[in-house]
């Protein structure tokens, strides 16, 4: 299923319009929510690139902060480190860019990429369990961030959630935020 959805996402013919619609829906949602510390992701494998909307969101108020995930090692929750558009980046685990030398930051909202997602807001990721572990660890520590999944309507599928799966609080696609 993952391979199929990744191949589908890589060849979406209406991608520029879908990205513009996701960006608009995400910007509107972020303006509506009480977000102060936003965790997001560096785009890989044709994921929606949220850097432009996050940069504009940061510029909207001086107290806002953003952070990118850092994999300290496989099998553990993600750490998040402060990011700004001018932050120097280095290659982290799996070759994904991470902030170079910035302090950790605990997000109150997380943008989470979805390979696929269900109408019930469960997500299919890459299979490493990083976001599932991170959300569970933060909840156990009493700091549950709002989870916003980002995906494409072509990748909306029926999913039978596993016992460890947590639904997203919000999903954003080119159809809007729900």
N, C-alpha and C. Protein backbone atom coordinates (compact mmCIF):
# COMPACT_ATOMS: atom_id res chain seq x y z
N UNK A 1 0.83 -1.20 0.00
CA UNK A 1 0.00 0.00 0.00
C UNK A 1 0.87 1.25 0.00
N UNK A 2 1.92 1.26 0.83
CA UNK A 2 2.80 2.43 0.88
C UNK A 2 3.44 2.69 -0.48
N UNK A 3 3.98 1.64 -1.08
CA UNK A 3 4.63 1.81 -2.39
C UNK A 3 3.66 2.38 -3.41
N UNK A 4 2.45 1.86 -3.41
CA UNK A 4 1.44 2.35 -4.35
C UNK A 4 1.13 3.82 -4.11
N UNK A 5 0.92 4.20 -2.86
CA UNK A 5 0.58 5.59 -2.54
C UNK A 5 1.74 6.54 -2.81
N UNK A 6 2.96 6.10 -2.52
CA UNK A 6 4.13 6.95 -2.82
C UNK A 6 4.28 7.16 -4.32
N UNK A 7 4.06 6.11 -5.11
CA UNK A 7 4.13 6.24 -6.56
C UNK A 7 3.02 7.15 -7.07
N UNK A 8 1.84 7.01 -6.51
CA UNK A 8 0.71 7.87 -6.89
C UNK A 8 1.01 9.32 -6.58
N UNK A 9 1.51 9.58 -5.37
CA UNK A 9 1.83 10.95 -4.96
C UNK A 9 2.90 11.57 -5.86
N UNK A 10 3.84 10.76 -6.29
CA UNK A 10 4.94 11.26 -7.13
C UNK A 10 4.48 11.64 -8.53
N UNK A 11 3.31 11.17 -8.94
CA UNK A 11 2.86 11.42 -10.33
C UNK A 11 1.54 12.16 -10.41
N UNK A 12 1.13 12.82 -9.35
CA UNK A 12 -0.14 13.56 -9.39
C UNK A 12 -0.07 14.66 -10.46
N UNK A 13 -0.94 14.61 -11.47
CA UNK A 13 -0.85 15.61 -12.54
C UNK A 13 -1.30 17.00 -12.09
N UNK A 14 -2.12 17.10 -11.08
CA UNK A 14 -2.64 18.39 -10.61
C UNK A 14 -1.87 18.89 -9.38
N UNK A 15 -0.65 18.45 -9.21
CA UNK A 15 0.13 18.74 -8.02
C UNK A 15 0.29 20.24 -7.72
N UNK A 16 0.65 21.09 -8.69
CA UNK A 16 0.79 22.52 -8.33
C UNK A 16 -0.48 23.13 -7.74
N UNK A 17 -1.62 22.80 -8.31
CA UNK A 17 -2.88 23.31 -7.77
C UNK A 17 -3.20 22.73 -6.41
N UNK A 18 -2.90 21.44 -6.23
CA UNK A 18 -3.14 20.79 -4.94
C UNK A 18 -2.25 21.41 -3.86
N UNK A 19 -0.98 21.64 -4.20
CA UNK A 19 -0.07 22.27 -3.22
C UNK A 19 -0.55 23.66 -2.83
N UNK A 20 -1.01 24.43 -3.80
CA UNK A 20 -1.51 25.78 -3.50
C UNK A 20 -2.75 25.71 -2.60
N UNK A 21 -3.62 24.75 -2.84
CA UNK A 21 -4.82 24.60 -2.02
C UNK A 21 -4.47 24.14 -0.60
N UNK A 22 -3.50 23.22 -0.47
CA UNK A 22 -3.05 22.78 0.86
C UNK A 22 -2.44 23.96 1.61
N UNK A 23 -1.61 24.72 0.92
CA UNK A 23 -0.97 25.87 1.56
C UNK A 23 -2.02 26.86 2.08
N UNK A 24 -3.03 27.15 1.28
CA UNK A 24 -4.07 28.09 1.70
C UNK A 24 -4.86 27.54 2.88
N UNK A 25 -5.24 26.27 2.83
CA UNK A 25 -6.02 25.67 3.92
C UNK A 25 -5.19 25.60 5.20
N UNK A 26 -3.91 25.27 5.08
CA UNK A 26 -3.04 25.18 6.24
C UNK A 26 -2.82 26.55 6.86
N UNK A 27 -2.59 27.56 6.04
CA UNK A 27 -2.40 28.93 6.55
C UNK A 27 -3.63 29.39 7.32
N UNK A 28 -4.81 29.13 6.78
CA UNK A 28 -6.05 29.52 7.44
C UNK A 28 -6.21 28.79 8.76
N UNK A 29 -5.92 27.49 8.77
CA UNK A 29 -6.05 26.71 10.00
C UNK A 29 -5.06 27.20 11.06
N UNK A 30 -3.82 27.43 10.68
CA UNK A 30 -2.83 27.91 11.65
C UNK A 30 -3.22 29.27 12.24
N UNK A 31 -3.85 30.12 11.44
CA UNK A 31 -4.31 31.41 11.95
C UNK A 31 -5.46 31.26 12.93
N UNK A 32 -6.26 30.20 12.78
CA UNK A 32 -7.42 29.96 13.65
C UNK A 32 -7.04 29.33 14.99
N UNK A 33 -5.96 28.58 15.00
CA UNK A 33 -5.58 27.82 16.19
C UNK A 33 -4.62 28.62 17.07
N UNK A 34 -4.63 28.36 18.39
CA UNK A 34 -3.70 29.05 19.29
C UNK A 34 -2.32 28.37 19.26
N UNK A 35 -1.60 28.57 18.18
CA UNK A 35 -0.29 27.93 17.99
C UNK A 35 0.80 28.92 18.36
N UNK A 36 1.76 28.47 19.17
CA UNK A 36 2.91 29.29 19.52
C UNK A 36 4.22 28.63 19.09
N UNK A 37 4.26 27.29 19.20
CA UNK A 37 5.47 26.52 18.85
C UNK A 37 5.04 25.42 17.89
N UNK A 38 5.40 25.58 16.64
CA UNK A 38 4.95 24.68 15.58
C UNK A 38 6.06 23.73 15.16
N UNK A 39 5.82 22.44 15.31
CA UNK A 39 6.73 21.44 14.80
C UNK A 39 6.27 21.03 13.40
N UNK A 40 7.19 20.96 12.47
CA UNK A 40 6.82 20.54 11.12
C UNK A 40 7.91 19.62 10.59
N UNK A 41 7.93 19.34 9.32
CA UNK A 41 8.84 18.34 8.77
C UNK A 41 9.55 18.91 7.54
N UNK A 42 10.75 18.41 7.29
CA UNK A 42 11.47 18.75 6.06
C UNK A 42 10.92 17.82 4.98
N UNK A 43 10.48 18.34 3.84
CA UNK A 43 9.81 17.49 2.84
C UNK A 43 10.75 16.48 2.17
N UNK A 44 10.29 15.25 2.12
CA UNK A 44 10.99 14.18 1.40
C UNK A 44 9.97 13.41 0.56
N UNK A 45 10.40 12.71 -0.42
CA UNK A 45 9.56 11.82 -1.22
C UNK A 45 8.25 12.47 -1.68
N UNK A 46 8.34 13.64 -2.25
CA UNK A 46 7.21 14.37 -2.81
C UNK A 46 6.13 14.74 -1.79
N UNK A 47 6.52 14.91 -0.51
CA UNK A 47 5.57 15.41 0.48
C UNK A 47 5.28 16.89 0.19
N UNK A 48 4.15 17.37 0.69
CA UNK A 48 3.86 18.80 0.62
C UNK A 48 4.96 19.54 1.36
N UNK A 49 5.49 20.59 0.76
CA UNK A 49 6.55 21.40 1.34
C UNK A 49 5.91 22.56 2.12
N UNK A 50 5.94 22.48 3.44
CA UNK A 50 5.30 23.47 4.30
C UNK A 50 6.20 24.64 4.66
N UNK A 51 7.45 24.65 4.16
CA UNK A 51 8.40 25.68 4.60
C UNK A 51 7.91 27.10 4.30
N UNK A 52 7.30 27.34 3.16
CA UNK A 52 6.85 28.70 2.82
C UNK A 52 5.73 29.16 3.75
N UNK A 53 4.74 28.30 3.98
CA UNK A 53 3.64 28.70 4.86
C UNK A 53 4.14 28.85 6.30
N UNK A 54 5.07 28.00 6.74
CA UNK A 54 5.63 28.13 8.09
C UNK A 54 6.44 29.43 8.20
N UNK A 55 7.19 29.77 7.18
CA UNK A 55 7.96 31.02 7.19
C UNK A 55 7.04 32.23 7.31
N UNK A 56 5.95 32.23 6.55
CA UNK A 56 4.98 33.34 6.65
C UNK A 56 4.31 33.36 8.02
N UNK A 57 3.99 32.18 8.55
CA UNK A 57 3.37 32.09 9.87
C UNK A 57 4.33 32.67 10.93
N UNK A 58 5.61 32.32 10.85
CA UNK A 58 6.60 32.86 11.79
C UNK A 58 6.65 34.38 11.72
N UNK A 59 6.59 34.93 10.53
CA UNK A 59 6.69 36.38 10.35
C UNK A 59 5.45 37.10 10.87
N UNK A 60 4.36 36.37 11.12
CA UNK A 60 3.11 36.99 11.54
C UNK A 60 3.08 37.46 12.97
N UNK A 61 3.97 36.98 13.82
CA UNK A 61 4.00 37.40 15.23
C UNK A 61 5.38 37.08 15.80
N UNK A 62 5.96 38.00 16.56
CA UNK A 62 7.33 37.81 17.05
C UNK A 62 7.50 36.65 18.03
N UNK A 63 6.45 36.24 18.73
CA UNK A 63 6.59 35.19 19.74
C UNK A 63 6.48 33.78 19.16
N UNK A 64 6.18 33.67 17.89
CA UNK A 64 6.03 32.35 17.28
C UNK A 64 7.38 31.68 17.04
N UNK A 65 7.39 30.36 17.22
CA UNK A 65 8.60 29.58 16.97
C UNK A 65 8.24 28.32 16.19
N UNK A 66 9.20 27.85 15.40
CA UNK A 66 9.02 26.61 14.64
C UNK A 66 10.18 25.68 14.93
N UNK A 67 9.95 24.40 14.73
CA UNK A 67 10.98 23.39 14.99
C UNK A 67 10.86 22.25 13.99
N UNK A 68 12.00 21.65 13.70
CA UNK A 68 12.05 20.48 12.82
C UNK A 68 12.43 19.26 13.65
N UNK A 69 11.96 18.07 13.22
CA UNK A 69 12.30 16.86 13.96
C UNK A 69 13.73 16.42 13.70
N UNK A 70 14.31 15.83 14.73
CA UNK A 70 15.65 15.26 14.64
C UNK A 70 15.56 13.83 15.15
N UNK A 71 16.03 12.89 14.35
CA UNK A 71 16.08 11.49 14.77
C UNK A 71 17.40 11.29 15.51
N UNK A 72 17.32 11.05 16.82
CA UNK A 72 18.55 10.81 17.58
C UNK A 72 19.05 9.39 17.33
N UNK A 73 18.11 8.46 17.22
CA UNK A 73 18.42 7.08 16.84
C UNK A 73 17.11 6.38 16.53
N UNK A 74 17.13 5.34 15.70
CA UNK A 74 15.90 4.60 15.39
C UNK A 74 15.28 4.00 16.65
N UNK A 75 13.96 3.96 16.66
CA UNK A 75 13.25 3.32 17.76
C UNK A 75 12.90 4.20 18.92
N UNK A 76 13.25 5.48 18.86
CA UNK A 76 12.93 6.39 19.96
C UNK A 76 12.10 7.56 19.41
N UNK A 77 11.40 8.30 20.29
CA UNK A 77 10.63 9.46 19.81
C UNK A 77 11.54 10.50 19.16
N UNK A 78 10.95 11.33 18.34
CA UNK A 78 11.65 12.43 17.69
C UNK A 78 11.95 13.53 18.70
N UNK A 79 13.06 14.21 18.49
CA UNK A 79 13.36 15.45 19.18
C UNK A 79 13.06 16.57 18.19
N UNK A 80 12.68 17.73 18.68
CA UNK A 80 12.44 18.87 17.81
C UNK A 80 13.42 19.98 18.18
N UNK A 81 13.98 20.62 17.14
CA UNK A 81 14.95 21.69 17.36
C UNK A 81 14.52 22.94 16.60
N UNK A 82 14.77 24.07 17.22
CA UNK A 82 14.38 25.37 16.70
C UNK A 82 14.82 25.54 15.24
N UNK A 83 13.92 26.08 14.42
CA UNK A 83 14.20 26.35 13.02
C UNK A 83 13.65 27.72 12.65
N UNK A 84 14.42 28.45 11.88
CA UNK A 84 14.01 29.69 11.22
C UNK A 84 14.47 29.57 9.78
N UNK A 85 13.92 30.36 8.87
CA UNK A 85 14.32 30.22 7.47
C UNK A 85 15.82 30.31 7.21
N UNK A 86 16.56 31.05 8.04
CA UNK A 86 18.01 31.19 7.83
C UNK A 86 18.84 30.19 8.64
N UNK A 87 18.20 29.26 9.32
CA UNK A 87 18.92 28.29 10.14
C UNK A 87 19.85 27.43 9.29
N UNK A 88 21.12 27.32 9.66
CA UNK A 88 22.01 26.39 8.95
C UNK A 88 21.52 24.96 9.15
N UNK A 89 21.60 24.15 8.10
CA UNK A 89 21.12 22.77 8.14
C UNK A 89 22.27 21.82 7.86
N UNK A 90 22.19 20.62 8.45
CA UNK A 90 23.14 19.54 8.18
C UNK A 90 22.34 18.28 7.91
N UNK A 91 22.97 17.31 7.29
CA UNK A 91 22.30 16.03 7.03
C UNK A 91 22.17 15.25 8.32
N UNK A 92 20.95 14.83 8.63
CA UNK A 92 20.70 14.00 9.81
C UNK A 92 20.55 12.54 9.40
N UNK A 93 19.96 11.75 10.30
CA UNK A 93 19.68 10.35 9.97
C UNK A 93 18.87 10.29 8.68
N UNK A 94 19.10 9.29 7.91
CA UNK A 94 18.39 9.07 6.64
C UNK A 94 18.66 10.17 5.63
N UNK A 95 19.66 11.04 5.89
CA UNK A 95 20.01 12.10 4.96
C UNK A 95 19.06 13.28 4.97
N UNK A 96 18.11 13.32 5.88
CA UNK A 96 17.14 14.41 5.96
C UNK A 96 17.79 15.60 6.66
N UNK A 97 17.71 16.82 6.08
CA UNK A 97 18.30 17.99 6.73
C UNK A 97 17.67 18.28 8.10
N UNK A 98 18.54 18.65 9.05
CA UNK A 98 18.12 19.01 10.40
C UNK A 98 18.84 20.30 10.80
N UNK A 99 18.25 21.07 11.72
CA UNK A 99 18.92 22.30 12.17
C UNK A 99 20.29 21.99 12.79
N UNK A 100 21.25 22.84 12.50
CA UNK A 100 22.61 22.65 12.98
C UNK A 100 22.84 23.46 14.25
N UNK A 101 22.82 22.78 15.40
CA UNK A 101 23.20 23.42 16.66
C UNK A 101 22.14 24.30 17.30
N UNK A 102 20.88 24.16 16.92
CA UNK A 102 19.85 24.98 17.56
C UNK A 102 19.30 24.24 18.78
N UNK A 103 18.72 24.98 19.73
CA UNK A 103 18.22 24.34 20.95
C UNK A 103 16.95 23.52 20.70
N UNK A 104 16.68 22.57 21.60
CA UNK A 104 15.43 21.82 21.48
C UNK A 104 14.23 22.73 21.75
N UNK A 105 13.09 22.33 21.20
CA UNK A 105 11.85 23.09 21.37
C UNK A 105 10.72 22.09 21.45
N UNK A 106 9.82 22.25 22.40
CA UNK A 106 8.67 21.36 22.56
C UNK A 106 7.47 21.99 21.85
N UNK A 107 7.06 21.43 20.70
CA UNK A 107 5.94 22.03 19.95
C UNK A 107 4.60 21.84 20.65
N UNK A 108 3.70 22.81 20.45
CA UNK A 108 2.33 22.63 20.92
C UNK A 108 1.43 22.16 19.78
N UNK A 109 1.93 22.24 18.54
CA UNK A 109 1.23 21.72 17.36
C UNK A 109 2.28 21.04 16.47
N UNK A 110 1.90 19.88 15.91
CA UNK A 110 2.77 19.18 14.97
C UNK A 110 2.10 19.04 13.62
N UNK A 111 2.82 19.40 12.56
CA UNK A 111 2.40 19.07 11.20
C UNK A 111 3.04 17.73 10.89
N UNK A 112 2.23 16.76 10.46
CA UNK A 112 2.72 15.40 10.27
C UNK A 112 2.40 14.95 8.85
N UNK A 113 3.43 14.56 8.08
CA UNK A 113 3.19 14.12 6.71
C UNK A 113 2.50 12.77 6.68
N UNK A 114 1.62 12.59 5.72
CA UNK A 114 0.88 11.33 5.58
C UNK A 114 1.14 10.74 4.20
N UNK A 115 1.56 9.49 4.17
CA UNK A 115 1.61 8.76 2.90
C UNK A 115 0.18 8.51 2.47
N UNK A 116 -0.66 8.13 3.42
CA UNK A 116 -2.09 7.95 3.21
C UNK A 116 -2.81 8.34 4.47
N UNK A 117 -4.13 8.54 4.35
CA UNK A 117 -4.93 8.87 5.53
C UNK A 117 -6.36 8.43 5.31
N UNK A 118 -7.06 8.19 6.41
CA UNK A 118 -8.44 7.72 6.34
C UNK A 118 -9.41 8.86 6.62
N UNK A 119 -10.67 8.67 6.25
CA UNK A 119 -11.68 9.68 6.59
C UNK A 119 -11.79 9.91 8.10
N UNK A 120 -11.36 8.92 8.89
CA UNK A 120 -11.40 9.05 10.36
C UNK A 120 -10.14 9.72 10.90
N UNK A 121 -9.28 10.20 10.02
CA UNK A 121 -8.06 10.94 10.36
C UNK A 121 -6.94 10.07 10.92
N UNK A 122 -6.95 8.77 10.60
CA UNK A 122 -5.80 7.93 10.90
C UNK A 122 -4.85 8.06 9.73
N UNK A 123 -3.55 7.98 10.02
CA UNK A 123 -2.55 8.17 8.97
C UNK A 123 -1.75 6.91 8.72
N UNK A 124 -1.29 6.81 7.50
CA UNK A 124 -0.32 5.80 7.12
C UNK A 124 0.96 6.57 6.85
N UNK A 125 2.02 6.23 7.59
CA UNK A 125 3.31 6.89 7.39
C UNK A 125 4.24 5.97 6.62
N UNK A 126 5.52 6.13 6.89
CA UNK A 126 6.53 5.33 6.18
C UNK A 126 6.80 4.00 6.86
N UNK A 127 6.25 3.78 8.05
CA UNK A 127 6.40 2.50 8.71
C UNK A 127 7.44 2.47 9.82
N UNK A 128 8.13 3.58 10.05
CA UNK A 128 9.15 3.61 11.10
C UNK A 128 8.59 3.86 12.49
N UNK A 129 7.36 4.35 12.59
CA UNK A 129 6.73 4.58 13.88
C UNK A 129 7.19 5.82 14.62
N UNK A 130 7.96 6.70 13.97
CA UNK A 130 8.52 7.85 14.68
C UNK A 130 7.43 8.77 15.24
N UNK A 131 6.44 9.11 14.42
CA UNK A 131 5.41 10.03 14.91
C UNK A 131 4.50 9.34 15.93
N UNK A 132 4.19 8.05 15.74
CA UNK A 132 3.38 7.33 16.73
C UNK A 132 4.09 7.33 18.08
N UNK A 133 5.38 7.01 18.10
CA UNK A 133 6.15 7.01 19.35
C UNK A 133 6.22 8.41 19.96
N UNK A 134 6.42 9.40 19.10
CA UNK A 134 6.55 10.78 19.59
C UNK A 134 5.25 11.26 20.23
N UNK A 135 4.12 11.04 19.56
CA UNK A 135 2.83 11.46 20.12
C UNK A 135 2.54 10.72 21.42
N UNK A 136 2.82 9.41 21.47
CA UNK A 136 2.58 8.64 22.68
C UNK A 136 3.48 9.12 23.82
N UNK A 137 4.76 9.38 23.55
CA UNK A 137 5.68 9.83 24.59
C UNK A 137 5.28 11.21 25.11
N UNK A 138 4.89 12.11 24.23
CA UNK A 138 4.49 13.44 24.66
C UNK A 138 3.21 13.37 25.49
N UNK A 139 2.27 12.51 25.09
CA UNK A 139 1.03 12.36 25.86
C UNK A 139 1.34 11.80 27.26
N UNK A 140 2.24 10.81 27.32
CA UNK A 140 2.61 10.23 28.61
C UNK A 140 3.29 11.26 29.51
N UNK A 141 3.98 12.23 28.91
CA UNK A 141 4.65 13.28 29.68
C UNK A 141 3.72 14.44 30.01
N UNK A 142 2.45 14.34 29.58
CA UNK A 142 1.48 15.39 29.88
C UNK A 142 1.55 16.59 28.95
N UNK A 143 2.17 16.41 27.79
CA UNK A 143 2.31 17.51 26.84
C UNK A 143 1.85 17.04 25.46
N UNK A 144 0.55 16.92 25.29
CA UNK A 144 0.02 16.40 24.03
C UNK A 144 -0.14 17.53 23.02
N UNK A 145 0.68 17.54 21.97
CA UNK A 145 0.50 18.57 20.95
C UNK A 145 -0.70 18.25 20.06
N UNK A 146 -1.26 19.27 19.49
CA UNK A 146 -2.30 19.10 18.48
C UNK A 146 -1.63 18.51 17.25
N UNK A 147 -2.20 17.45 16.68
CA UNK A 147 -1.61 16.77 15.53
C UNK A 147 -2.40 17.11 14.26
N UNK A 148 -1.70 17.69 13.29
CA UNK A 148 -2.30 18.05 12.00
C UNK A 148 -1.63 17.23 10.91
N UNK A 149 -2.37 16.30 10.33
CA UNK A 149 -1.85 15.50 9.23
C UNK A 149 -1.95 16.26 7.92
N UNK A 150 -0.97 16.07 7.04
CA UNK A 150 -0.94 16.72 5.73
C UNK A 150 -0.88 15.62 4.67
N UNK A 151 -1.83 15.62 3.74
CA UNK A 151 -1.84 14.61 2.70
C UNK A 151 -2.62 15.05 1.48
N UNK A 152 -2.64 14.21 0.49
CA UNK A 152 -3.34 14.48 -0.78
C UNK A 152 -4.59 13.62 -0.87
N UNK A 153 -5.66 14.18 -1.41
CA UNK A 153 -6.92 13.47 -1.52
C UNK A 153 -6.80 12.14 -2.27
N UNK A 154 -5.91 12.06 -3.24
CA UNK A 154 -5.73 10.81 -3.97
C UNK A 154 -5.23 9.70 -3.05
N UNK A 155 -4.69 10.08 -1.89
CA UNK A 155 -4.14 9.12 -0.93
C UNK A 155 -5.05 8.93 0.27
N UNK A 156 -6.31 9.37 0.15
CA UNK A 156 -7.30 9.12 1.20
C UNK A 156 -7.82 7.70 0.97
N UNK A 157 -7.65 6.86 1.97
CA UNK A 157 -7.96 5.44 1.84
C UNK A 157 -8.62 4.92 3.11
N UNK A 158 -9.32 3.81 3.02
CA UNK A 158 -9.81 3.20 4.26
C UNK A 158 -8.62 2.56 4.99
N UNK A 159 -8.53 2.79 6.28
CA UNK A 159 -7.46 2.21 7.10
C UNK A 159 -8.07 1.58 8.33
N UNK A 160 -7.61 0.41 8.67
CA UNK A 160 -7.98 -0.21 9.94
C UNK A 160 -6.89 0.14 10.93
N UNK A 161 -7.16 1.03 11.88
CA UNK A 161 -6.10 1.45 12.80
C UNK A 161 -5.61 0.30 13.67
N UNK A 162 -4.34 0.34 13.97
CA UNK A 162 -3.72 -0.60 14.89
C UNK A 162 -3.88 -0.05 16.31
N UNK A 163 -3.72 -0.88 17.33
CA UNK A 163 -3.92 -0.39 18.71
C UNK A 163 -3.05 0.81 19.08
N UNK A 164 -1.86 0.94 18.48
CA UNK A 164 -0.97 2.05 18.82
C UNK A 164 -1.26 3.30 17.99
N UNK A 165 -2.11 3.21 16.98
CA UNK A 165 -2.40 4.35 16.11
C UNK A 165 -3.26 5.39 16.82
N UNK A 166 -2.88 6.64 16.64
CA UNK A 166 -3.66 7.76 17.18
C UNK A 166 -4.19 8.57 16.01
N UNK A 167 -5.47 8.96 16.05
CA UNK A 167 -5.98 9.79 14.95
C UNK A 167 -5.38 11.20 15.03
N UNK A 168 -5.29 11.83 13.90
CA UNK A 168 -4.89 13.23 13.85
C UNK A 168 -6.04 14.07 14.40
N UNK A 169 -5.71 15.21 14.97
CA UNK A 169 -6.77 16.13 15.41
C UNK A 169 -7.38 16.83 14.20
N UNK A 170 -6.55 17.10 13.22
CA UNK A 170 -6.97 17.75 11.97
C UNK A 170 -6.26 17.05 10.82
N UNK A 171 -6.89 17.05 9.67
CA UNK A 171 -6.26 16.66 8.41
C UNK A 171 -6.37 17.84 7.47
N UNK A 172 -5.31 18.08 6.70
CA UNK A 172 -5.33 19.12 5.69
C UNK A 172 -4.93 18.47 4.37
N UNK A 173 -5.77 18.70 3.37
CA UNK A 173 -5.49 18.24 2.00
C UNK A 173 -5.91 19.35 1.07
N UNK A 174 -5.83 19.10 -0.22
CA UNK A 174 -6.26 20.13 -1.17
C UNK A 174 -7.76 20.38 -1.10
N UNK A 175 -8.52 19.50 -0.42
CA UNK A 175 -9.95 19.71 -0.22
C UNK A 175 -10.25 20.62 0.96
N UNK A 176 -9.23 20.95 1.75
CA UNK A 176 -9.42 21.83 2.91
C UNK A 176 -8.97 21.17 4.19
N UNK A 177 -9.41 21.71 5.32
CA UNK A 177 -9.06 21.19 6.64
C UNK A 177 -10.29 20.57 7.26
N UNK A 178 -10.12 19.37 7.80
CA UNK A 178 -11.24 18.73 8.50
C UNK A 178 -10.72 18.03 9.74
